[in-house]
N, C-alpha and C. Protein backbone atom coordinates (compact mmCIF):
# COMPACT_ATOMS: atom_id res chain seq x y z
N MET A 1 -21.39 -5.63 -7.56
CA MET A 1 -20.80 -4.25 -6.79
C MET A 1 -20.78 -4.38 -5.59
N GLU A 2 -19.83 -4.26 -4.88
CA GLU A 2 -19.80 -4.05 -3.36
C GLU A 2 -19.61 -2.85 -2.68
N ASN A 3 -20.90 -2.39 -1.75
CA ASN A 3 -20.73 -1.39 -0.77
C ASN A 3 -19.95 -1.33 0.13
N ILE A 4 -18.92 -0.26 -0.02
CA ILE A 4 -17.86 -0.02 1.03
C ILE A 4 -17.26 1.25 1.50
N ASN A 5 -16.88 0.90 2.80
CA ASN A 5 -16.43 2.18 3.10
C ASN A 5 -15.05 2.30 3.65
N PRO A 6 -13.94 1.99 2.83
CA PRO A 6 -12.92 1.81 3.47
C PRO A 6 -12.12 3.28 3.69
N GLU A 7 -11.31 3.00 5.06
CA GLU A 7 -10.57 4.14 5.92
C GLU A 7 -9.67 4.59 4.72
N GLN A 8 -9.13 4.21 3.91
CA GLN A 8 -7.73 4.68 2.90
C GLN A 8 -8.24 4.57 1.27
N LEU A 9 -7.73 5.40 0.45
CA LEU A 9 -7.76 5.05 -1.04
C LEU A 9 -6.68 4.72 -1.82
N TYR A 10 -6.65 4.20 -2.51
CA TYR A 10 -5.74 3.91 -3.30
C TYR A 10 -5.22 4.65 -4.74
N HIS A 11 -4.70 5.22 -4.66
CA HIS A 11 -5.17 5.93 -6.37
C HIS A 11 -3.75 5.60 -7.08
N VAL A 12 -4.26 5.67 -8.87
CA VAL A 12 -3.00 4.94 -9.27
C VAL A 12 -2.83 6.19 -10.44
N LEU A 13 -1.40 6.68 -10.30
CA LEU A 13 -1.28 7.89 -11.15
C LEU A 13 -0.38 7.20 -12.41
N PHE A 14 -1.05 7.70 -13.55
CA PHE A 14 -0.26 7.67 -15.10
C PHE A 14 0.40 8.68 -15.21
N ILE A 15 1.72 8.84 -15.15
CA ILE A 15 2.43 10.02 -15.39
C ILE A 15 3.76 9.74 -16.65
N THR A 16 3.10 10.53 -17.77
CA THR A 16 4.41 10.70 -18.97
C THR A 16 4.70 12.16 -19.05
N SER A 17 5.94 11.73 -19.60
CA SER A 17 6.45 12.80 -19.68
C SER A 17 7.51 12.92 -21.46
N HIS A 18 7.06 13.46 -22.38
CA HIS A 18 7.93 13.52 -23.59
C HIS A 18 8.83 14.16 -24.21
N LEU A 19 10.47 13.68 -24.13
CA LEU A 19 11.35 14.62 -24.06
C LEU A 19 11.52 15.06 -25.38
N GLN A 20 11.43 14.43 -26.48
CA GLN A 20 11.16 14.96 -28.01
C GLN A 20 10.59 16.50 -28.08
N LYS A 21 9.19 16.48 -27.15
CA LYS A 21 8.71 17.69 -27.40
C LYS A 21 8.93 18.58 -26.11
N ASP A 22 9.67 18.22 -24.90
CA ASP A 22 10.07 18.85 -24.20
C ASP A 22 11.43 18.68 -23.50
N PRO A 23 12.37 18.88 -24.14
CA PRO A 23 13.92 18.31 -23.84
C PRO A 23 14.32 18.44 -22.56
N ASN A 24 13.96 19.31 -21.31
CA ASN A 24 13.94 19.28 -20.55
C ASN A 24 13.37 18.20 -19.16
N GLY A 25 12.13 17.88 -19.87
CA GLY A 25 11.53 17.17 -18.80
C GLY A 25 10.58 17.78 -17.96
N LYS A 26 10.19 19.31 -17.95
CA LYS A 26 9.90 20.03 -16.82
C LYS A 26 8.36 19.85 -17.16
N PHE A 27 7.60 19.43 -18.16
CA PHE A 27 6.52 19.13 -18.27
C PHE A 27 5.76 17.78 -18.10
N GLN A 28 4.89 17.32 -17.14
CA GLN A 28 4.30 16.09 -17.43
C GLN A 28 2.77 15.86 -17.29
N LYS A 29 2.27 15.02 -17.99
CA LYS A 29 0.64 14.58 -17.95
C LYS A 29 0.70 13.76 -17.02
N ILE A 30 -0.22 13.90 -16.07
CA ILE A 30 -1.07 13.01 -15.30
C ILE A 30 -2.42 12.61 -15.32
N ARG A 31 -2.28 11.34 -15.29
CA ARG A 31 -3.75 10.63 -15.64
C ARG A 31 -3.92 10.02 -14.29
N ILE A 32 -4.99 9.96 -14.13
CA ILE A 32 -5.06 8.79 -12.62
C ILE A 32 -6.64 8.30 -13.26
N PRO A 33 -6.08 6.84 -13.35
CA PRO A 33 -7.02 5.74 -14.12
C PRO A 33 -8.43 5.23 -13.23
N GLY A 34 -7.93 5.29 -11.64
CA GLY A 34 -8.79 4.84 -11.05
C GLY A 34 -8.19 4.98 -9.31
N THR A 35 -9.00 4.83 -8.60
CA THR A 35 -9.25 4.79 -7.31
C THR A 35 -9.41 3.44 -6.69
N TYR A 36 -8.89 2.72 -5.76
CA TYR A 36 -9.30 1.17 -5.25
C TYR A 36 -9.10 1.00 -3.98
N ILE A 37 -10.06 0.36 -3.74
CA ILE A 37 -10.32 0.25 -2.07
C ILE A 37 -9.19 -1.02 -1.19
N SER A 38 -8.03 -1.31 -2.05
CA SER A 38 -6.89 -2.23 -1.15
C SER A 38 -5.97 -1.73 -1.96
N LEU A 39 -4.24 -2.16 -1.21
CA LEU A 39 -3.37 -1.80 -1.93
C LEU A 39 -2.98 -2.58 -2.79
N SER A 40 -3.51 -3.89 -2.37
CA SER A 40 -3.35 -4.90 -3.35
C SER A 40 -4.27 -5.01 -4.71
N SER A 41 -5.48 -4.44 -4.82
CA SER A 41 -5.95 -4.23 -6.10
C SER A 41 -5.33 -2.76 -6.72
N ALA A 42 -4.78 -1.87 -5.90
CA ALA A 42 -4.14 -0.61 -6.70
C ALA A 42 -3.10 -1.20 -7.38
N LYS A 43 -2.29 -2.52 -6.93
CA LYS A 43 -0.86 -2.96 -7.59
C LYS A 43 -1.07 -3.15 -8.61
N ALA A 44 -2.46 -4.33 -8.07
CA ALA A 44 -2.42 -4.99 -9.48
C ALA A 44 -3.05 -4.42 -10.74
N ALA A 45 -3.57 -3.10 -10.81
CA ALA A 45 -4.21 -2.21 -11.69
C ALA A 45 -2.84 -1.36 -12.12
N ALA A 46 -1.79 -1.10 -10.93
CA ALA A 46 -0.98 -0.20 -11.66
C ALA A 46 0.20 -1.32 -12.52
N HIS A 47 0.31 -2.21 -12.08
CA HIS A 47 0.96 -3.28 -13.03
C HIS A 47 0.65 -3.54 -14.15
N ARG A 48 -0.57 -3.21 -14.82
CA ARG A 48 -1.23 -3.73 -15.96
C ARG A 48 -1.68 -2.13 -16.66
N CYS A 49 -1.32 -1.29 -16.06
CA CYS A 49 -1.76 0.02 -16.35
C CYS A 49 -1.18 0.43 -17.98
N LEU A 50 0.03 0.34 -18.19
CA LEU A 50 0.55 0.70 -19.34
C LEU A 50 -0.46 -0.53 -20.49
N PHE A 51 -0.26 -1.67 -20.00
CA PHE A 51 -1.21 -2.41 -21.26
C PHE A 51 -2.75 -2.06 -21.32
N ASP A 52 -3.33 -2.03 -20.12
CA ASP A 52 -4.59 -0.63 -20.47
C ASP A 52 -4.56 0.15 -21.38
N ALA A 53 -3.71 0.87 -21.55
CA ALA A 53 -3.34 2.03 -21.88
C ALA A 53 -3.61 1.64 -23.71
N GLY A 54 -2.89 0.44 -23.79
CA GLY A 54 -2.91 0.06 -25.20
C GLY A 54 -1.28 -0.01 -25.64
N TYR A 55 -0.60 -0.22 -24.73
CA TYR A 55 0.91 -0.19 -24.92
C TYR A 55 1.30 -1.81 -25.07
N GLU A 56 2.65 -2.31 -25.67
CA GLU A 56 2.46 -3.53 -25.65
C GLU A 56 4.18 -3.52 -24.91
N ARG A 57 4.73 -4.13 -24.06
CA ARG A 57 6.15 -4.82 -23.43
C ARG A 57 7.31 -4.25 -24.69
N GLU A 58 7.24 -5.01 -25.59
CA GLU A 58 8.11 -4.90 -26.08
C GLU A 58 8.62 -3.19 -27.23
N TRP A 59 7.70 -2.23 -26.89
CA TRP A 59 7.72 -0.95 -27.31
C TRP A 59 8.52 -0.35 -26.32
N PHE A 60 9.03 -0.64 -25.11
CA PHE A 60 10.12 -0.13 -24.36
C PHE A 60 11.52 -0.62 -24.52
N LYS A 61 12.54 0.19 -24.32
CA LYS A 61 13.50 -0.10 -23.96
C LYS A 61 14.13 -0.40 -22.66
N ILE A 62 13.68 0.21 -21.95
CA ILE A 62 13.32 -0.02 -20.23
C ILE A 62 12.03 -0.13 -19.58
N PHE A 63 11.70 -1.44 -19.11
CA PHE A 63 10.34 -1.70 -18.34
C PHE A 63 10.62 -2.17 -16.97
N ASP A 64 10.69 -1.24 -15.70
CA ASP A 64 11.06 -1.91 -14.29
C ASP A 64 10.24 -1.94 -13.74
N THR A 65 9.85 -2.99 -13.01
CA THR A 65 8.78 -3.43 -11.94
C THR A 65 9.25 -4.41 -10.86
N SER A 66 10.82 -4.37 -10.76
CA SER A 66 11.77 -4.96 -10.15
C SER A 66 11.89 -4.39 -8.82
N HIS A 67 11.52 -3.31 -8.31
CA HIS A 67 11.63 -2.91 -7.19
C HIS A 67 10.37 -1.59 -7.24
N GLU A 68 10.10 -2.04 -5.91
CA GLU A 68 8.98 -0.16 -5.84
C GLU A 68 9.39 0.44 -4.91
N ARG A 69 9.05 1.39 -5.44
CA ARG A 69 10.07 2.55 -4.42
C ARG A 69 9.10 3.29 -3.26
N GLU A 70 9.07 3.24 -2.46
CA GLU A 70 7.95 2.93 -1.43
C GLU A 70 7.90 4.44 -1.19
N GLU A 71 8.91 5.64 -1.26
CA GLU A 71 8.99 6.95 -1.06
C GLU A 71 7.91 8.05 -1.78
N ASP A 72 7.86 7.01 -3.24
CA ASP A 72 7.13 7.73 -3.70
C ASP A 72 6.11 6.94 -4.58
N GLY A 73 5.74 5.69 -3.97
CA GLY A 73 4.77 4.66 -4.57
C GLY A 73 4.81 4.23 -6.12
N GLN A 74 6.44 4.50 -6.44
CA GLN A 74 6.18 3.92 -8.25
C GLN A 74 6.31 2.56 -8.05
N VAL A 75 5.91 2.00 -9.13
CA VAL A 75 5.37 0.65 -9.38
C VAL A 75 6.08 0.08 -10.61
N VAL A 76 5.92 0.73 -11.61
CA VAL A 76 6.05 0.88 -13.00
C VAL A 76 7.11 2.07 -13.37
N HIS A 77 8.43 1.67 -13.95
CA HIS A 77 9.05 3.09 -14.71
C HIS A 77 9.66 2.24 -15.93
N ALA A 78 8.69 2.96 -17.23
CA ALA A 78 9.30 2.49 -18.52
C ALA A 78 9.84 3.72 -19.65
N VAL A 79 10.42 3.36 -20.39
CA VAL A 79 11.33 4.16 -21.07
C VAL A 79 11.11 3.63 -22.18
N ALA A 80 10.52 5.04 -23.57
CA ALA A 80 10.71 4.24 -24.90
C ALA A 80 11.89 4.56 -26.22
N PRO A 81 11.97 4.23 -26.80
CA PRO A 81 13.20 4.31 -27.66
C PRO A 81 13.37 5.74 -27.97
N SER A 82 12.12 6.95 -27.81
CA SER A 82 12.44 7.98 -28.17
C SER A 82 13.14 8.76 -26.94
N GLY A 83 13.13 8.11 -25.85
CA GLY A 83 13.21 8.89 -24.58
C GLY A 83 11.94 9.37 -23.83
N SER A 84 10.65 9.06 -24.01
CA SER A 84 9.88 9.54 -23.55
C SER A 84 9.08 8.57 -22.06
N THR A 85 9.01 8.94 -20.93
CA THR A 85 9.01 8.44 -19.86
C THR A 85 7.37 7.79 -19.63
N TYR A 86 7.77 7.28 -18.88
CA TYR A 86 6.00 6.47 -18.20
C TYR A 86 6.43 6.01 -17.02
N ARG A 87 5.58 6.79 -16.01
CA ARG A 87 5.82 5.67 -14.39
C ARG A 87 4.21 5.82 -14.17
N VAL A 88 4.28 4.69 -13.19
CA VAL A 88 3.19 4.45 -12.72
C VAL A 88 3.07 4.31 -11.44
N ARG A 89 2.25 5.05 -10.70
CA ARG A 89 2.48 5.32 -9.05
C ARG A 89 1.51 4.86 -8.20
N ILE A 90 1.28 4.64 -7.03
CA ILE A 90 0.05 4.47 -5.93
C ILE A 90 0.39 5.48 -5.26
N LEU A 91 -0.48 6.22 -4.77
CA LEU A 91 -0.74 7.20 -3.81
C LEU A 91 -1.94 7.14 -2.41
N THR A 92 -1.35 7.01 -1.46
CA THR A 92 -2.39 6.89 -0.50
C THR A 92 -2.86 7.80 0.44
N THR A 93 -4.73 7.70 0.19
CA THR A 93 -4.70 8.99 0.93
C THR A 93 -5.79 8.41 1.89
N PRO A 94 -6.44 9.50 3.10
CA PRO A 94 -7.56 8.85 3.97
C PRO A 94 -8.89 9.17 3.23
N ASN A 95 -9.79 8.43 3.34
CA ASN A 95 -11.16 8.38 2.82
C ASN A 95 -11.79 9.46 3.50
N THR A 96 -12.06 10.37 2.83
CA THR A 96 -12.84 11.58 3.17
C THR A 96 -14.29 11.76 2.88
N ILE A 97 -14.69 10.92 1.40
CA ILE A 97 -15.73 10.93 0.81
C ILE A 97 -17.05 10.69 1.59
N ASP A 98 -17.55 11.83 1.74
CA ASP A 98 -18.92 11.46 2.45
C ASP A 98 -20.01 11.03 1.80
N LYS A 99 -19.64 9.95 1.00
CA LYS A 99 -20.77 9.20 0.52
C LYS A 99 -20.62 7.66 0.20
N SER A 100 -21.59 6.88 0.44
CA SER A 100 -21.42 5.44 0.03
C SER A 100 -20.64 5.55 -1.21
N LEU A 101 -19.40 4.08 -1.19
CA LEU A 101 -19.14 4.28 -2.18
C LEU A 101 -19.15 2.49 -2.48
N PHE A 102 -18.72 2.14 -3.95
CA PHE A 102 -19.33 0.96 -4.64
C PHE A 102 -18.23 0.75 -5.30
N ALA A 103 -17.46 -0.63 -5.33
CA ALA A 103 -16.58 -0.86 -6.36
C ALA A 103 -16.76 -2.07 -7.07
N HIS A 104 -16.12 -2.23 -8.31
CA HIS A 104 -16.00 -3.39 -9.28
C HIS A 104 -15.19 -4.48 -8.77
N ASP A 105 -15.48 -5.28 -9.33
CA ASP A 105 -14.73 -6.84 -8.48
C ASP A 105 -13.11 -6.58 -8.79
N ASP A 106 -12.56 -5.84 -9.46
CA ASP A 106 -11.32 -5.45 -9.36
C ASP A 106 -10.86 -4.79 -8.63
N GLY A 107 -11.65 -4.14 -7.19
CA GLY A 107 -11.31 -3.25 -6.45
C GLY A 107 -11.63 -1.67 -6.83
N ARG A 108 -12.06 -1.19 -8.13
CA ARG A 108 -11.94 -0.03 -8.58
C ARG A 108 -13.33 0.66 -8.35
N ILE A 109 -13.05 1.94 -7.40
CA ILE A 109 -14.23 2.39 -7.23
C ILE A 109 -15.36 3.02 -8.33
N THR A 110 -16.70 2.83 -8.45
CA THR A 110 -17.03 3.01 -9.61
C THR A 110 -17.26 4.40 -9.68
N MET A 111 -17.47 5.23 -8.39
CA MET A 111 -17.89 6.54 -8.97
C MET A 111 -16.84 7.42 -9.66
N GLY A 112 -16.89 8.33 -10.45
CA GLY A 112 -16.21 9.16 -10.78
C GLY A 112 -15.68 10.04 -9.89
N LEU A 113 -14.10 10.53 -10.01
CA LEU A 113 -13.39 11.48 -8.74
C LEU A 113 -12.95 12.27 -9.43
N TYR A 114 -12.79 13.70 -8.34
CA TYR A 114 -12.00 14.82 -8.75
C TYR A 114 -10.95 14.85 -7.78
N TYR A 115 -9.88 15.11 -8.68
CA TYR A 115 -8.25 15.18 -7.86
C TYR A 115 -8.02 16.26 -7.32
N VAL A 116 -7.32 16.58 -6.19
CA VAL A 116 -6.73 18.03 -6.29
C VAL A 116 -4.96 17.68 -6.15
N VAL A 117 -4.39 17.93 -6.93
CA VAL A 117 -2.89 17.13 -7.26
C VAL A 117 -2.13 18.55 -7.17
N GLN A 118 -0.79 18.24 -6.28
CA GLN A 118 0.15 19.45 -6.09
C GLN A 118 1.39 18.89 -6.40
N ILE A 119 1.95 19.45 -7.71
CA ILE A 119 3.42 19.43 -7.69
C ILE A 119 4.28 20.17 -7.05
N ARG A 120 5.01 19.72 -6.76
CA ARG A 120 6.16 20.67 -6.11
C ARG A 120 7.53 20.40 -6.59
N ALA A 121 8.23 21.45 -7.59
CA ALA A 121 9.47 21.43 -8.18
C ALA A 121 10.58 22.23 -7.45
N SER A 122 11.63 21.52 -7.08
CA SER A 122 12.90 21.87 -6.36
C SER A 122 13.57 22.68 -7.27
N LEU A 123 13.95 23.63 -6.58
CA LEU A 123 15.00 24.42 -7.38
C LEU A 123 16.15 24.38 -7.37
N GLU A 124 16.75 23.34 -6.74
CA GLU A 124 17.98 22.81 -6.68
C GLU A 124 18.05 21.34 -7.49
N ASP A 125 17.38 20.73 -7.91
CA ASP A 125 17.14 19.77 -8.85
C ASP A 125 16.19 19.51 -9.55
N GLU A 126 16.24 19.94 -10.48
CA GLU A 126 15.21 20.83 -11.54
C GLU A 126 14.54 18.84 -12.11
N GLU A 127 15.05 18.15 -11.87
CA GLU A 127 14.56 16.82 -12.15
C GLU A 127 13.49 16.11 -11.30
N TYR A 128 13.63 17.02 -10.11
CA TYR A 128 12.66 16.31 -8.70
C TYR A 128 11.41 16.89 -8.84
N ARG A 129 10.43 15.83 -9.16
CA ARG A 129 9.03 16.77 -9.09
C ARG A 129 8.11 15.31 -7.65
N ASP A 130 7.86 16.54 -6.80
CA ASP A 130 7.11 15.69 -5.83
C ASP A 130 5.74 16.00 -5.81
N ILE A 131 4.89 14.88 -6.07
CA ILE A 131 3.54 14.62 -6.41
C ILE A 131 2.47 14.30 -5.35
N ASN A 132 1.42 14.82 -5.06
CA ASN A 132 0.68 14.70 -3.94
C ASN A 132 -0.53 14.93 -3.93
N ILE A 133 -1.44 14.01 -3.78
CA ILE A 133 -2.84 14.10 -3.76
C ILE A 133 -3.35 14.75 -2.56
N GLU A 134 -3.87 16.30 -2.58
CA GLU A 134 -4.36 16.88 -1.19
C GLU A 134 -5.83 16.59 -1.36
N GLY A 135 -6.47 16.03 -1.91
CA GLY A 135 -8.02 15.92 -1.58
C GLY A 135 -8.49 15.42 -2.70
N THR A 136 -9.87 14.48 -2.27
CA THR A 136 -10.80 14.07 -3.01
C THR A 136 -11.81 14.51 -3.34
N PHE A 137 -12.45 14.42 -4.55
CA PHE A 137 -13.75 14.92 -4.36
C PHE A 137 -15.02 14.56 -5.28
N THR A 138 -16.00 14.37 -4.80
CA THR A 138 -17.13 14.09 -5.87
C THR A 138 -17.88 14.85 -6.52
N SER A 139 -17.49 16.36 -7.05
CA SER A 139 -17.88 16.99 -7.57
C SER A 139 -16.39 18.56 -8.32
N TYR A 140 -16.31 18.79 -9.47
CA TYR A 140 -15.56 19.70 -10.11
C TYR A 140 -15.35 20.92 -9.29
N SER A 141 -16.55 21.45 -8.80
CA SER A 141 -16.64 22.76 -8.10
C SER A 141 -15.98 22.68 -6.48
N SER A 142 -16.51 21.72 -5.98
CA SER A 142 -15.95 21.62 -4.83
C SER A 142 -14.06 21.27 -4.99
N ALA A 143 -13.66 20.16 -5.55
CA ALA A 143 -12.41 20.14 -5.89
C ALA A 143 -11.91 21.65 -6.56
N ARG A 144 -12.52 22.35 -7.11
CA ARG A 144 -11.96 23.46 -7.80
C ARG A 144 -11.59 24.48 -6.41
N ASP A 145 -12.66 24.55 -5.66
CA ASP A 145 -12.56 25.37 -4.79
C ASP A 145 -11.67 24.99 -3.67
N PHE A 146 -11.54 23.88 -3.54
CA PHE A 146 -10.32 23.57 -2.51
C PHE A 146 -8.75 23.55 -3.08
N ALA A 147 -8.72 23.57 -3.98
CA ALA A 147 -7.41 24.00 -5.07
C ALA A 147 -7.05 25.40 -4.93
N LEU A 148 -7.90 26.26 -4.88
CA LEU A 148 -7.32 27.43 -4.69
C LEU A 148 -6.78 28.16 -3.52
N GLN A 149 -7.17 27.26 -2.56
CA GLN A 149 -6.79 27.34 -1.08
C GLN A 149 -5.70 26.76 -0.49
N VAL A 150 -5.47 25.49 -1.38
CA VAL A 150 -4.10 24.73 -0.71
C VAL A 150 -2.92 25.15 -0.14
N LEU A 151 -2.55 26.46 -1.00
CA LEU A 151 -0.88 26.84 -0.28
C LEU A 151 -1.36 27.73 0.29
N LEU A 152 -2.51 27.85 0.80
CA LEU A 152 -2.63 29.63 1.67
C LEU A 152 -3.19 29.06 3.07
N ASP A 153 -2.68 29.39 4.00
CA ASP A 153 -3.12 29.51 5.15
C ASP A 153 -3.60 30.39 6.51
N SER A 154 -4.41 30.94 6.07
CA SER A 154 -4.70 32.28 7.32
C SER A 154 -4.19 32.54 8.80
N GLU A 155 -3.99 30.91 9.02
CA GLU A 155 -3.81 31.02 10.36
C GLU A 155 -2.12 31.20 10.94
N ASP A 156 -1.66 30.74 9.58
CA ASP A 156 -0.33 31.06 10.17
C ASP A 156 0.53 32.17 9.22
N GLY A 157 -0.56 32.83 8.52
CA GLY A 157 -0.40 34.13 7.95
C GLY A 157 0.38 34.17 6.79
N ILE A 158 -0.07 32.82 5.49
CA ILE A 158 0.60 32.35 4.58
C ILE A 158 -1.08 32.83 3.55
N THR A 159 -0.67 33.90 2.82
CA THR A 159 -1.32 34.53 1.42
C THR A 159 -0.98 34.52 0.23
N GLU A 160 -1.77 34.98 -0.50
CA GLU A 160 -0.89 35.12 -1.88
C GLU A 160 0.02 35.61 -2.33
N GLU A 161 0.09 36.73 -1.39
CA GLU A 161 1.48 37.69 -1.38
C GLU A 161 2.82 37.22 -0.49
N SER A 162 2.51 36.04 0.00
CA SER A 162 3.55 35.33 0.71
C SER A 162 4.63 34.58 -0.13
N PHE A 163 3.88 34.59 -1.65
CA PHE A 163 4.94 33.97 -2.96
C PHE A 163 5.25 35.30 -3.47
N ALA A 164 6.48 34.68 -4.26
CA ALA A 164 6.86 35.85 -5.58
C ALA A 164 6.28 35.88 -6.73
N VAL A 165 5.55 34.93 -6.86
CA VAL A 165 4.38 34.85 -7.88
C VAL A 165 3.31 34.15 -7.58
N TYR A 166 2.23 34.28 -7.97
CA TYR A 166 0.86 33.55 -7.69
C TYR A 166 0.31 33.75 -8.62
N ASP A 167 -0.71 32.40 -9.50
CA ASP A 167 -1.25 32.93 -10.75
C ASP A 167 -2.55 31.73 -10.21
N LYS A 168 -3.82 32.31 -10.43
CA LYS A 168 -5.33 31.40 -9.88
C LYS A 168 -5.89 31.58 -11.43
N SER A 169 -6.40 30.45 -11.45
CA SER A 169 -7.46 30.55 -12.58
C SER A 169 -8.76 31.81 -12.20
N GLY A 170 -9.57 32.10 -13.12
CA GLY A 170 -10.31 33.10 -12.66
C GLY A 170 -11.71 32.66 -13.06
N PRO A 171 -12.82 33.07 -12.37
CA PRO A 171 -14.04 32.67 -12.25
C PRO A 171 -14.71 31.73 -13.61
N GLY A 172 -14.85 30.50 -13.50
CA GLY A 172 -15.19 29.84 -14.58
C GLY A 172 -14.44 29.09 -15.63
N ARG A 173 -12.92 29.60 -15.31
CA ARG A 173 -12.14 29.11 -16.14
C ARG A 173 -11.49 27.76 -15.46
N THR A 174 -10.81 26.96 -16.28
CA THR A 174 -10.40 25.75 -15.74
C THR A 174 -9.32 25.62 -15.48
N ASP A 175 -8.17 26.47 -15.92
CA ASP A 175 -7.01 26.97 -15.69
C ASP A 175 -6.48 28.26 -15.82
N CYS A 176 -4.95 28.38 -15.10
CA CYS A 176 -4.78 29.63 -14.83
C CYS A 176 -3.59 30.14 -16.06
N GLY A 177 -3.74 29.16 -17.30
CA GLY A 177 -2.41 30.00 -18.32
C GLY A 177 -1.13 28.93 -18.05
N TYR A 178 -0.82 27.96 -17.06
CA TYR A 178 0.08 27.29 -16.88
C TYR A 178 -0.26 25.89 -17.81
N GLY A 179 -1.09 25.67 -18.03
CA GLY A 179 -1.74 24.28 -18.68
C GLY A 179 -2.76 23.63 -18.16
N ASP A 180 -3.04 22.61 -19.03
CA ASP A 180 -4.63 22.11 -18.47
C ASP A 180 -5.18 21.68 -17.03
N ASN A 181 -5.92 22.16 -16.89
CA ASN A 181 -6.25 21.81 -15.15
C ASN A 181 -5.54 22.09 -14.34
N ILE A 182 -4.69 23.23 -14.52
CA ILE A 182 -3.53 23.98 -13.67
C ILE A 182 -4.34 25.23 -13.29
N ILE A 183 -4.89 25.00 -11.83
CA ILE A 183 -5.68 26.15 -10.92
C ILE A 183 -5.04 27.30 -10.78
N VAL A 184 -3.78 26.55 -9.62
CA VAL A 184 -2.79 27.45 -9.31
C VAL A 184 -1.42 27.02 -9.82
N HIS A 185 -0.50 28.27 -9.83
CA HIS A 185 0.99 28.00 -10.10
C HIS A 185 1.14 29.54 -9.09
N ALA A 186 2.38 28.55 -8.47
CA ALA A 186 3.21 29.51 -7.83
C ALA A 186 4.65 29.39 -7.60
N VAL A 187 5.34 30.66 -7.28
CA VAL A 187 6.81 30.33 -7.18
C VAL A 187 6.96 31.26 -5.67
N GLY A 188 7.41 30.16 -4.99
CA GLY A 188 7.99 31.09 -3.41
C GLY A 188 9.10 31.83 -3.76
N ASN A 189 9.31 32.16 -2.32
CA ASN A 189 10.21 32.96 -2.73
C ASN A 189 12.11 32.56 -2.71
N ASN A 190 12.05 31.32 -2.45
CA ASN A 190 13.37 30.69 -2.65
C ASN A 190 13.25 29.78 -4.16
N GLY A 191 11.79 30.39 -5.18
CA GLY A 191 12.06 29.73 -6.21
C GLY A 191 11.65 28.55 -6.75
N GLU A 192 11.09 27.51 -5.56
CA GLU A 192 10.42 26.36 -5.33
C GLU A 192 8.87 26.83 -6.44
N ASN A 193 8.49 25.98 -7.46
CA ASN A 193 7.88 25.86 -8.04
C ASN A 193 6.51 25.21 -7.37
N PHE A 194 5.13 25.21 -7.37
CA PHE A 194 4.31 24.70 -7.02
C PHE A 194 3.01 24.81 -8.46
N LEU A 195 2.43 23.74 -8.61
CA LEU A 195 1.43 23.71 -9.11
C LEU A 195 0.41 22.70 -9.20
N ILE A 196 -1.08 23.25 -8.83
CA ILE A 196 -2.25 22.77 -8.44
C ILE A 196 -2.98 22.68 -9.39
N SER A 197 -3.61 21.69 -9.43
CA SER A 197 -4.30 20.89 -10.74
C SER A 197 -5.64 19.87 -10.15
N VAL A 198 -6.84 20.18 -10.91
CA VAL A 198 -8.24 19.21 -10.72
C VAL A 198 -8.29 18.29 -11.68
N ILE A 199 -7.78 16.95 -11.12
CA ILE A 199 -7.79 15.66 -12.43
C ILE A 199 -9.20 14.87 -12.39
N GLU A 200 -9.67 14.80 -13.12
CA GLU A 200 -11.13 13.95 -13.07
C GLU A 200 -10.48 12.52 -13.55
N THR A 201 -11.31 11.59 -12.86
CA THR A 201 -10.94 10.37 -13.22
C THR A 201 -10.96 9.92 -14.48
N GLN A 202 -9.70 9.20 -15.08
CA GLN A 202 -9.64 9.15 -16.81
C GLN A 202 -9.32 7.43 -16.87
N VAL A 203 -10.47 6.66 -16.84
CA VAL A 203 -10.34 5.15 -17.14
C VAL A 203 -9.68 5.01 -18.44
N LEU A 204 -8.83 4.11 -18.46
CA LEU A 204 -7.98 3.43 -19.58
C LEU A 204 -9.42 2.60 -20.50
N GLU A 205 -8.92 2.80 -21.45
CA GLU A 205 -10.16 2.21 -22.93
C GLU A 205 -9.92 0.64 -22.39
N THR A 206 -9.24 0.03 -22.35
CA THR A 206 -9.32 -1.35 -22.23
C THR A 206 -10.01 -1.91 -21.08
N THR A 207 -9.75 -1.03 -19.88
CA THR A 207 -10.44 -1.31 -18.62
C THR A 207 -12.13 -1.20 -19.09
N ARG A 208 -12.09 0.42 -19.36
CA ARG A 208 -14.06 0.49 -19.95
C ARG A 208 -14.42 -0.80 -20.75
N VAL A 209 -13.95 -1.19 -21.65
CA VAL A 209 -14.48 -1.95 -22.43
C VAL A 209 -14.59 -3.49 -21.97
N VAL A 210 -13.67 -3.78 -20.57
CA VAL A 210 -13.72 -5.21 -20.26
C VAL A 210 -15.11 -4.91 -19.04
N GLU A 211 -14.83 -3.86 -18.26
CA GLU A 211 -16.10 -3.86 -17.59
C GLU A 211 -17.27 -3.28 -18.07
N ALA A 212 -17.33 -2.98 -19.23
CA ALA A 212 -18.93 -3.26 -20.20
C ALA A 212 -19.30 -4.43 -20.83
N THR A 213 -18.26 -5.62 -20.62
CA THR A 213 -18.94 -6.62 -20.90
C THR A 213 -19.53 -7.42 -19.75
N PHE A 214 -19.51 -7.06 -18.64
CA PHE A 214 -19.78 -7.95 -17.66
C PHE A 214 -21.23 -7.12 -16.87
């Protein structure tokens, strides 16, 4: 394993939505299988993400890797016959982790991380979901504390009362009643929705098995 300190981190996001359970596609499940030390290693992981999760190419009626959308980092877009969609994206953030990092041979950071993820849903376009990683942490408590403050800015006078709706998880709770891991749910005065989650690294099982053999 290599001891490294990259300036940037490259996070692979695995996003699923199941239309048979959620016809409007409003609820998405986000997993982060790993963070990588280079864009090339993250792209390689993104392209094999669905296969590492146990899926096979012939299970999808659409499996598109022909173009990478720079604006949202999308690498893979797949659709099952049921209408369920699977997207794999890469998001890049500065490396703010104040600890030494080690990487596997495939470039994935060995340390389990906690990510503060913001989802912003547009009022005008119900299908639009802007997903960003606001912070990366080595402990859940640090990530949770940060998540509670993501939408607030005392210098600009933005408080909980600045929103039409502002729900947050109470002490000792890991969600605020709007889904697993969602720490804050807020609605702006223009109707725009915000979801702030804390998500832990979830290595896909095939990847874990392969790494265990070395």
